[in-house]
């Protein structure tokens, strides 16, 4: 089997320790030699045999898992999850949403391969599984707010549920890593939407729009996303809805310790990303976030002022190196991706000017804070923390774009390549918050 199938096979070996995995049909190698008969348990010894061969059919098509998630189980699980997240409960606890959710779950049940993969995901990668649950719930809410058709609702729901399924086909250590990626690891990581689409294209009778929505869920309207680096006119509403839902989830994890104030901070974060999604998707997402009940108490904790000052100074320094490298690339590089760098730089400059963040006055203002802060001051510091997080995210995005360009500078332009690599080496972005 190829490397992707090997990783999936290893996941099935582990699943078999908790839920029985059996062959639903005979498994042959690409030469037509029988490897496993129908009805065989996929234990470790038998799986090792499969790992030594290229199979005639993808492994997923030849196995079954006991007690895979059906529509009823999924529907109950989704509602239980929503009940634990105030922002989700605010948009899911109504008859119209519940009717659409039930319909989407019944659509999911038509595809045994989806049930199999979701079960494997739940058992082998619970964090990614719950991210899919969140995006399916939030994505369906946005689709309903946009008054999308039933087919588009189903596409958005399934795409949200399975948008990161590609990680089942990557090395486990890669999906568990959150920072410090090497260049090769980034390339492997950024292939996960392509791998997911490849799997979905093998699911009999599944609409191709779902795979398209998934492969494009990291794309942005200005062409700065991945893996295809395409622009807004080539993107679908479903892919943009999943992108927005995914972004909300990342920031929800960052700020969930703020309790009932979390969604106030999510709104601040979203407003600093208003020009990377389709405008209708952005507006619908903004409206839905406002459905969350207003906080009845004041914020009582904030990040330390010392940490904020450290982050502010670090980002100021890194922003200067990023600007320098952007200038070098604009002058010397003919790579079309420089256009994407300029788009992100423009967006970043707007965010900095609009928020006042990274300005020298900001440091002076932070240094005026003392102990015994008022609730209003706690909220102000929390807002600054959110803004710095968003600047950090955009700088990381810029660095990744620039790395690809610098890597592709031809050796015939050795002096330019050396200068660009030197500047790039100064861009060191350490995580400011845990994601």
Protein backbone atom coordinates (compact mmCIF):
# COMPACT_ATOMS: atom_id res chain seq x y z
CA UNK A 1 0.00 0.00 0.00
CA UNK A 2 1.10 3.60 -0.46
CA UNK A 3 2.11 5.68 2.55
CA UNK A 4 -1.33 7.27 3.04
CA UNK A 5 -3.05 3.87 3.07
CA UNK A 6 -0.39 2.57 5.45
CA UNK A 7 -1.24 5.29 7.97
CA UNK A 8 -4.96 4.53 7.66
CA UNK A 9 -4.28 0.80 8.10
CA UNK A 10 -2.35 1.50 11.31
CA UNK A 11 -5.35 3.49 12.57
CA UNK A 12 -7.62 0.52 11.83
CA UNK A 13 -5.29 -1.79 13.79
CA UNK A 14 -5.74 0.45 16.83
CA UNK A 15 -9.52 0.75 16.30
CA UNK A 16 -9.79 -3.05 16.23
CA UNK A 17 -8.58 -3.10 19.85
CA UNK A 18 -11.78 -1.30 20.87
CA UNK A 19 -14.32 -2.09 18.15
CA UNK A 20 -14.22 -5.10 15.88
CA UNK A 21 -12.89 -4.39 12.38
CA UNK A 22 -13.59 -7.07 9.75
CA UNK A 23 -13.23 -7.40 6.01
CA UNK A 24 -16.57 -6.74 4.30
CA UNK A 25 -15.22 -8.31 1.11
CA UNK A 26 -12.15 -10.25 0.05
CA UNK A 27 -8.98 -8.16 -0.22
CA UNK A 28 -6.64 -8.73 -3.19
CA UNK A 29 -3.34 -7.15 -4.10
CA UNK A 30 -2.90 -5.39 -7.44
CA UNK A 31 -1.77 -8.69 -8.99
CA UNK A 32 -5.05 -10.38 -8.06
CA UNK A 33 -3.60 -12.47 -5.22
CA UNK A 34 -5.99 -13.04 -2.32
CA UNK A 35 -4.62 -11.48 0.89
CA UNK A 36 -7.60 -11.67 3.26
CA UNK A 37 -10.91 -13.51 2.86
CA UNK A 38 -14.27 -11.83 3.49
CA UNK A 39 -15.26 -11.80 7.16
CA UNK A 40 -11.70 -11.90 8.55
CA UNK A 41 -10.83 -9.85 11.62
CA UNK A 42 -8.29 -7.14 10.84
CA UNK A 43 -5.87 -7.95 13.64
CA UNK A 44 -2.31 -6.69 13.74
CA UNK A 45 -0.81 -9.80 12.15
CA UNK A 46 -3.19 -9.68 9.18
CA UNK A 47 -2.79 -5.93 8.82
CA UNK A 48 0.97 -6.38 8.56
CA UNK A 49 0.35 -8.57 5.51
CA UNK A 50 -1.65 -5.77 3.89
CA UNK A 51 1.08 -3.25 4.64
CA UNK A 52 3.42 -5.19 2.37
CA UNK A 53 1.20 -4.93 -0.71
CA UNK A 54 -0.44 -2.50 -3.08
CA UNK A 55 -4.14 -3.29 -2.98
CA UNK A 56 -6.55 -3.73 -5.87
CA UNK A 57 -9.12 -1.52 -4.06
CA UNK A 58 -8.70 1.17 -1.41
CA UNK A 59 -8.73 -0.45 2.03
CA UNK A 60 -11.76 1.55 3.19
CA UNK A 61 -13.94 -0.17 0.60
CA UNK A 62 -13.10 -3.62 1.94
CA UNK A 63 -13.65 -3.32 5.69
CA UNK A 64 -16.44 -2.69 8.16
CA UNK A 65 -16.44 -1.49 11.78
CA UNK A 66 -18.84 -2.71 14.42
CA UNK A 67 -21.13 0.01 15.83
CA UNK A 68 -20.26 2.77 13.36
CA UNK A 69 -22.09 6.05 13.94
CA UNK A 70 -25.57 6.02 12.38
CA UNK A 71 -27.83 9.05 11.81
CA UNK A 72 -29.63 8.76 15.15
CA UNK A 73 -26.39 8.52 17.12
CA UNK A 74 -24.82 11.40 15.22
CA UNK A 75 -27.89 13.61 15.69
CA UNK A 76 -27.88 12.99 19.45
CA UNK A 77 -24.14 13.56 19.71
CA UNK A 78 -24.31 16.83 17.78
CA UNK A 79 -27.01 18.20 20.05
CA UNK A 80 -25.17 17.12 23.17
CA UNK A 81 -22.06 18.89 21.91
CA UNK A 82 -24.03 22.07 21.06
CA UNK A 83 -25.55 22.13 24.56
CA UNK A 84 -22.06 22.50 26.03
CA UNK A 85 -21.13 25.49 23.85
CA UNK A 86 -23.32 28.57 24.56
CA UNK A 87 -22.64 30.17 21.18
CA UNK A 88 -23.70 27.02 19.32
CA UNK A 89 -26.73 26.42 21.49
CA UNK A 90 -27.94 29.93 20.74
CA UNK A 91 -28.26 29.11 17.01
CA UNK A 92 -29.13 25.39 17.11
CA UNK A 93 -31.92 25.38 19.70
CA UNK A 94 -34.86 26.03 17.37
CA UNK A 95 -37.20 23.92 15.24
CA UNK A 96 -35.92 25.08 11.83
CA UNK A 97 -32.33 24.25 12.68
CA UNK A 98 -33.23 20.90 14.23
CA UNK A 99 -35.22 19.92 11.15
CA UNK A 100 -32.27 20.74 8.87
CA UNK A 101 -29.85 18.97 11.19
CA UNK A 102 -31.94 15.81 11.21
CA UNK A 103 -32.14 15.90 7.42
CA UNK A 104 -28.35 16.35 7.13
CA UNK A 105 -27.73 13.39 9.46
CA UNK A 106 -30.03 11.17 7.38
CA UNK A 107 -28.11 12.24 4.26
CA UNK A 108 -24.84 11.25 5.99
CA UNK A 109 -26.25 7.81 6.81
CA UNK A 110 -26.61 6.99 3.11
CA UNK A 111 -22.84 6.57 2.85
CA UNK A 112 -21.31 3.68 4.85
CA UNK A 113 -17.79 4.88 4.05
CA UNK A 114 -18.52 8.17 5.80
CA UNK A 115 -19.80 6.30 8.85
CA UNK A 116 -16.65 4.20 8.88
CA UNK A 117 -14.29 7.18 8.60
CA UNK A 118 -16.11 9.20 11.24
CA UNK A 119 -15.90 6.25 13.65
CA UNK A 120 -12.16 5.90 13.03
CA UNK A 121 -11.70 9.65 13.47
CA UNK A 122 -13.58 9.62 16.80
CA UNK A 123 -11.46 6.78 18.17
CA UNK A 124 -8.07 7.76 16.77
CA UNK A 125 -8.09 11.56 16.58
CA UNK A 126 -10.71 12.88 19.04
CA UNK A 127 -9.52 16.49 18.87
CA UNK A 128 -9.90 16.60 15.08
CA UNK A 129 -13.20 14.72 15.40
CA UNK A 130 -14.65 17.36 17.74
CA UNK A 131 -13.37 20.11 15.43
CA UNK A 132 -15.41 18.48 12.67
CA UNK A 133 -18.46 18.33 14.94
CA UNK A 134 -18.12 22.05 15.68
CA UNK A 135 -17.66 23.02 12.03
CA UNK A 136 -20.61 20.88 10.93
CA UNK A 137 -22.91 22.54 13.48
CA UNK A 138 -21.63 26.08 12.89
CA UNK A 139 -21.43 25.60 9.11
CA UNK A 140 -25.04 24.43 8.90
CA UNK A 141 -26.14 27.45 10.95
CA UNK A 142 -24.35 29.82 8.55
CA UNK A 143 -25.80 27.98 5.52
CA UNK A 144 -29.31 28.40 6.95
CA UNK A 145 -28.67 32.08 7.67
CA UNK A 146 -27.65 32.50 4.02
CA UNK A 147 -30.81 30.66 2.94
CA UNK A 148 -28.83 28.11 0.95
CA UNK A 149 -30.58 25.21 -0.77
CA UNK A 150 -30.98 21.83 0.94
CA UNK A 151 -28.25 20.42 -1.30
CA UNK A 152 -25.89 23.25 -0.30
CA UNK A 153 -26.78 22.70 3.36
CA UNK A 154 -25.90 19.01 3.03
CA UNK A 155 -22.64 19.88 1.27
CA UNK A 156 -21.69 22.33 4.00
CA UNK A 157 -22.61 19.92 6.80
CA UNK A 158 -20.65 16.94 5.43
CA UNK A 159 -17.72 19.15 4.44
CA UNK A 160 -17.61 20.58 7.96
CA UNK A 161 -17.77 17.14 9.53
CA UNK A 162 -14.98 15.71 7.36
CA UNK A 163 -12.86 18.76 6.50
CA UNK A 164 -9.82 17.40 8.36
CA UNK A 165 -10.33 13.69 7.59
CA UNK A 166 -7.09 13.79 5.59
CA UNK A 167 -5.16 13.66 8.87
CA UNK A 168 -6.11 9.98 9.23
CA UNK A 169 -3.84 9.36 6.24
CA UNK A 170 -0.87 11.28 7.67
CA UNK A 171 1.65 10.29 10.34
CA UNK A 172 0.02 10.57 13.81
CA UNK A 173 2.82 12.77 15.15
CA UNK A 174 2.03 15.36 12.47
CA UNK A 175 -1.62 15.76 13.47
CA UNK A 176 -0.62 16.05 17.13
CA UNK A 177 1.92 18.81 16.51
CA UNK A 178 0.88 22.46 16.91
CA UNK A 179 4.05 24.46 16.24
CA UNK A 180 7.70 24.26 15.19
CA UNK A 181 7.01 22.65 11.80
CA UNK A 182 9.88 22.05 9.41
CA UNK A 183 9.48 22.99 5.74
CA UNK A 184 8.82 19.34 4.83
CA UNK A 185 6.27 18.98 7.63
CA UNK A 186 4.43 22.08 6.40
CA UNK A 187 4.22 20.57 2.93
CA UNK A 188 2.82 17.33 4.32
CA UNK A 189 0.42 19.22 6.59
CA UNK A 190 -0.88 21.36 3.76
CA UNK A 191 -1.67 18.24 1.73
CA UNK A 192 -4.44 17.16 4.12
CA UNK A 193 -7.27 18.85 2.13
CA UNK A 194 -6.10 17.10 -1.07
CA UNK A 195 -5.97 13.74 0.71
CA UNK A 196 -9.46 14.30 2.11
CA UNK A 197 -10.86 15.12 -1.33
CA UNK A 198 -9.21 12.02 -2.77
CA UNK A 199 -10.96 9.84 -0.17
CA UNK A 200 -14.33 11.52 -0.71
CA UNK A 201 -14.07 11.10 -4.48
CA UNK A 202 -13.97 7.34 -3.88
CA UNK A 203 -17.23 7.36 -1.90
CA UNK A 204 -19.90 6.01 -4.29
CA UNK A 205 -22.59 8.55 -5.26
CA UNK A 206 -21.28 11.25 -2.91
CA UNK A 207 -21.69 14.68 -4.59
CA UNK A 208 -18.35 16.01 -5.83
CA UNK A 209 -19.19 19.44 -4.41
CA UNK A 210 -18.37 18.10 -0.94
CA UNK A 211 -14.81 17.20 -1.92
CA UNK A 212 -14.39 20.60 -3.59
CA UNK A 213 -15.57 22.40 -0.45
CA UNK A 214 -13.06 20.43 1.63
CA UNK A 215 -10.05 20.84 -0.66
CA UNK A 216 -10.66 24.61 -0.67
CA UNK A 217 -11.40 25.17 3.04
CA UNK A 218 -7.95 26.70 3.60
CA UNK A 219 -8.17 28.92 0.51
CA UNK A 220 -8.79 32.67 0.86
CA UNK A 221 -10.46 35.10 -1.51
CA UNK A 222 -7.17 36.97 -2.07
CA UNK A 223 -5.35 33.81 -3.23
CA UNK A 224 -3.20 33.53 -0.10
CA UNK A 225 -4.54 30.15 1.04
CA UNK A 226 -3.53 26.60 0.20
CA UNK A 227 -3.20 24.05 -1.35
CA UNK A 228 -4.20 25.50 -4.75
CA UNK A 229 -3.66 29.24 -4.08
CA UNK A 230 -6.85 30.13 -5.95
CA UNK A 231 -8.84 33.36 -5.74
CA UNK A 232 -12.38 34.13 -4.65
CA UNK A 233 -14.03 33.79 -8.05
CA UNK A 234 -13.04 30.09 -8.03
CA UNK A 235 -14.30 29.34 -4.51
CA UNK A 236 -17.67 28.03 -3.36
CA UNK A 237 -19.83 29.32 -0.49
CA UNK A 238 -19.49 25.96 1.29
CA UNK A 239 -15.69 26.15 1.32
CA UNK A 240 -15.82 29.69 2.68
CA UNK A 241 -18.33 28.71 5.36
CA UNK A 242 -16.03 25.91 6.56
CA UNK A 243 -13.07 28.33 6.50
CA UNK A 244 -14.96 30.79 8.70
CA UNK A 245 -16.17 28.03 11.05
CA UNK A 246 -12.63 26.68 11.35
CA UNK A 247 -11.31 30.15 12.21
CA UNK A 248 -13.98 30.60 14.89
CA UNK A 249 -13.01 27.26 16.40
CA UNK A 250 -9.30 28.14 16.58
CA UNK A 251 -10.12 31.35 18.39
CA UNK A 252 -12.75 29.68 20.58
CA UNK A 253 -10.05 27.37 21.94
CA UNK A 254 -7.87 30.39 22.62
CA UNK A 255 -10.47 32.33 24.58
CA UNK A 256 -12.80 29.71 26.08
CA UNK A 257 -11.32 30.31 29.54
CA UNK A 258 -13.03 33.69 29.49
CA UNK A 259 -16.37 31.86 29.85
CA UNK A 260 -19.39 33.97 28.95
CA UNK A 261 -17.08 36.67 27.57
CA UNK A 262 -15.56 34.30 25.01
CA UNK A 263 -17.93 35.30 22.22
CA UNK A 264 -17.25 39.00 22.76
CA UNK A 265 -13.59 38.25 22.06
CA UNK A 266 -14.52 36.05 19.09
CA UNK A 267 -16.35 39.01 17.56
CA UNK A 268 -13.23 41.16 17.93
CA UNK A 269 -11.12 38.48 16.26
CA UNK A 270 -13.58 38.04 13.40
CA UNK A 271 -13.72 41.79 12.73
CA UNK A 272 -9.97 41.73 12.07
CA UNK A 273 -10.52 39.07 9.39
CA UNK A 274 -13.35 40.76 7.51
CA UNK A 275 -11.66 40.74 4.10
CA UNK A 276 -10.55 37.12 3.70
CA UNK A 277 -14.02 35.53 3.31
CA UNK A 278 -16.98 36.08 1.00
CA UNK A 279 -18.80 39.13 2.34
CA UNK A 280 -22.18 37.32 2.76
CA UNK A 281 -20.45 34.49 4.68
CA UNK A 282 -18.63 37.00 6.88
CA UNK A 283 -21.81 38.98 7.58
CA UNK A 284 -23.85 35.85 8.38
CA UNK A 285 -21.13 34.60 10.73
CA UNK A 286 -20.99 37.97 12.46
CA UNK A 287 -24.77 37.98 12.98
CA UNK A 288 -24.81 34.44 14.39
CA UNK A 289 -22.05 35.26 16.87
CA UNK A 290 -24.20 38.10 18.16
CA UNK A 291 -26.96 35.63 19.06
CA UNK A 292 -24.98 34.60 22.10
CA UNK A 293 -26.55 35.98 25.31
CA UNK A 294 -24.94 39.15 26.65
CA UNK A 295 -22.59 38.61 29.62
CA UNK A 296 -24.22 39.37 32.96
CA UNK A 297 -20.94 39.73 34.85
CA UNK A 298 -17.71 41.61 34.29
CA UNK A 299 -14.49 40.02 33.11
CA UNK A 300 -12.28 39.34 36.12
CA UNK A 301 -9.06 38.08 34.60
CA UNK A 302 -6.72 39.12 31.83
CA UNK A 303 -3.33 38.16 30.48
CA UNK A 304 -0.38 39.66 32.31
CA UNK A 305 0.73 43.10 31.23
CA UNK A 306 4.32 41.82 31.11
CA UNK A 307 3.31 39.14 28.58
CA UNK A 308 1.43 41.65 26.46
CA UNK A 309 4.44 43.98 26.40
CA UNK A 310 6.74 41.11 25.45
CA UNK A 311 4.43 40.03 22.65
CA UNK A 312 3.96 43.58 21.42
CA UNK A 313 7.71 44.20 21.19
CA UNK A 314 8.34 40.83 19.56
CA UNK A 315 5.68 41.43 16.92
CA UNK A 316 6.96 44.95 16.19
CA UNK A 317 10.42 43.51 15.55
CA UNK A 318 9.10 40.64 13.43
CA UNK A 319 6.86 42.96 11.42
CA UNK A 320 9.91 45.02 10.43
CA UNK A 321 11.69 41.90 9.13
CA UNK A 322 8.55 40.84 7.27
CA UNK A 323 8.30 44.26 5.62
CA UNK A 324 11.96 44.08 4.62
CA UNK A 325 11.57 40.65 3.04
CA UNK A 326 8.40 41.74 1.25
CA UNK A 327 10.33 44.66 -0.24
CA UNK A 328 13.17 42.35 -1.35
CA UNK A 329 10.71 39.99 -3.01
CA UNK A 330 8.82 42.81 -4.73
CA UNK A 331 12.01 44.22 -6.22
CA UNK A 332 13.74 41.00 -7.23
CA UNK A 333 11.22 38.16 -7.58
CA UNK A 334 8.93 37.39 -10.52
CA UNK A 335 7.14 34.64 -8.60
CA UNK A 336 3.35 35.18 -8.97
CA UNK A 337 2.91 34.39 -5.28
CA UNK A 338 4.46 37.76 -4.46
CA UNK A 339 1.00 39.08 -5.33
CA UNK A 340 -0.37 37.04 -2.42
CA UNK A 341 2.32 38.42 -0.09
CA UNK A 342 1.28 41.95 -1.05
CA UNK A 343 -2.35 41.09 -0.36
CA UNK A 344 -1.57 39.86 3.15
CA UNK A 345 0.74 42.82 3.81
CA UNK A 346 -2.04 45.19 2.78
CA UNK A 347 -4.53 43.39 5.02
CA UNK A 348 -2.07 43.42 7.91
CA UNK A 349 -1.34 47.12 7.50
CA UNK A 350 -5.07 47.90 7.54
CA UNK A 351 -5.54 45.82 10.72
CA UNK A 352 -2.62 47.56 12.43
CA UNK A 353 -3.80 51.04 11.47
CA UNK A 354 -7.43 50.29 12.35
CA UNK A 355 -6.63 48.81 15.74
CA UNK A 356 -3.68 51.03 16.65
CA UNK A 357 -1.82 47.88 17.60
CA UNK A 358 2.00 47.73 17.25
CA UNK A 359 2.22 51.51 17.53
CA UNK A 360 4.77 52.94 20.04
CA UNK A 361 1.89 54.63 21.86
CA UNK A 362 0.47 51.18 22.59
CA UNK A 363 3.52 50.28 24.69
CA UNK A 364 3.31 53.56 26.57
CA UNK A 365 -0.39 52.89 27.24
CA UNK A 366 0.27 49.33 28.47
CA UNK A 367 2.97 50.57 30.82
CA UNK A 368 0.43 52.82 32.58
CA UNK A 369 -1.53 49.83 33.93
CA UNK A 370 -1.01 48.83 37.55
CA UNK A 371 -2.47 46.27 39.94
CA UNK A 372 -6.09 46.50 41.08
CA UNK A 373 -7.51 46.83 37.56
CA UNK A 374 -11.13 47.74 36.93
CA UNK A 375 -13.41 45.39 34.93
CA UNK A 376 -13.18 47.80 32.01
CA UNK A 377 -9.37 47.66 32.11
CA UNK A 378 -9.45 43.84 32.26
CA UNK A 379 -11.60 43.86 29.10
CA UNK A 380 -9.28 46.36 27.39
CA UNK A 381 -6.29 44.11 28.04
CA UNK A 382 -8.19 41.06 26.80
CA UNK A 383 -9.04 42.95 23.60
CA UNK A 384 -5.36 43.85 23.12
CA UNK A 385 -4.47 40.18 23.56
CA UNK A 386 -6.97 39.21 20.83
CA UNK A 387 -5.59 41.83 18.46
CA UNK A 388 -2.03 40.66 19.02
CA UNK A 389 -3.11 37.08 18.39
CA UNK A 390 -4.63 38.08 15.05
CA UNK A 391 -1.50 40.01 14.04
CA UNK A 392 0.57 36.99 15.01
CA UNK A 393 -1.60 34.68 12.88
CA UNK A 394 -1.23 36.91 9.84
CA UNK A 395 2.54 37.15 10.33
CA UNK A 396 2.77 33.33 10.50
CA UNK A 397 0.71 33.15 7.31
CA UNK A 398 3.03 35.65 5.65
CA UNK A 399 6.11 33.75 6.74
CA UNK A 400 4.74 30.53 5.24
CA UNK A 401 4.01 32.28 1.94
CA UNK A 402 7.45 33.85 1.87
CA UNK A 403 9.20 30.57 2.65
CA UNK A 404 7.64 29.01 -0.44
CA UNK A 405 8.81 31.91 -2.61
CA UNK A 406 12.34 32.00 -1.19
CA UNK A 407 12.65 28.24 -1.56
CA UNK A 408 11.87 28.56 -5.27
CA UNK A 409 14.39 31.33 -6.04
CA UNK A 410 16.66 29.78 -8.71
CA UNK A 411 20.28 29.12 -7.85
CA UNK A 412 21.27 31.39 -10.74
CA UNK A 413 20.12 34.29 -8.52
CA UNK A 414 22.40 33.24 -5.67
CA UNK A 415 22.99 36.70 -4.19
CA UNK A 416 19.27 37.49 -4.03
CA UNK A 417 18.56 34.04 -2.61
CA UNK A 418 21.18 34.46 0.12
CA UNK A 419 19.85 37.90 1.09
CA UNK A 420 16.26 36.65 1.19
CA UNK A 421 17.23 33.57 3.23
CA UNK A 422 19.12 35.76 5.70
CA UNK A 423 16.12 38.05 6.21
CA UNK A 424 13.81 35.04 6.48
CA UNK A 425 16.04 33.55 9.19
CA UNK A 426 15.29 36.59 11.39
CA UNK A 427 11.54 35.94 11.24
CA UNK A 428 11.10 33.78 14.32
CA UNK A 429 7.51 33.56 15.47
CA UNK A 430 6.97 31.75 18.74
CA UNK A 431 3.41 30.82 19.67
CA UNK A 432 1.77 33.48 21.80
CA UNK A 433 -1.15 31.37 22.86
CA UNK A 434 -1.96 27.69 22.96
CA UNK A 435 -4.24 26.55 20.13
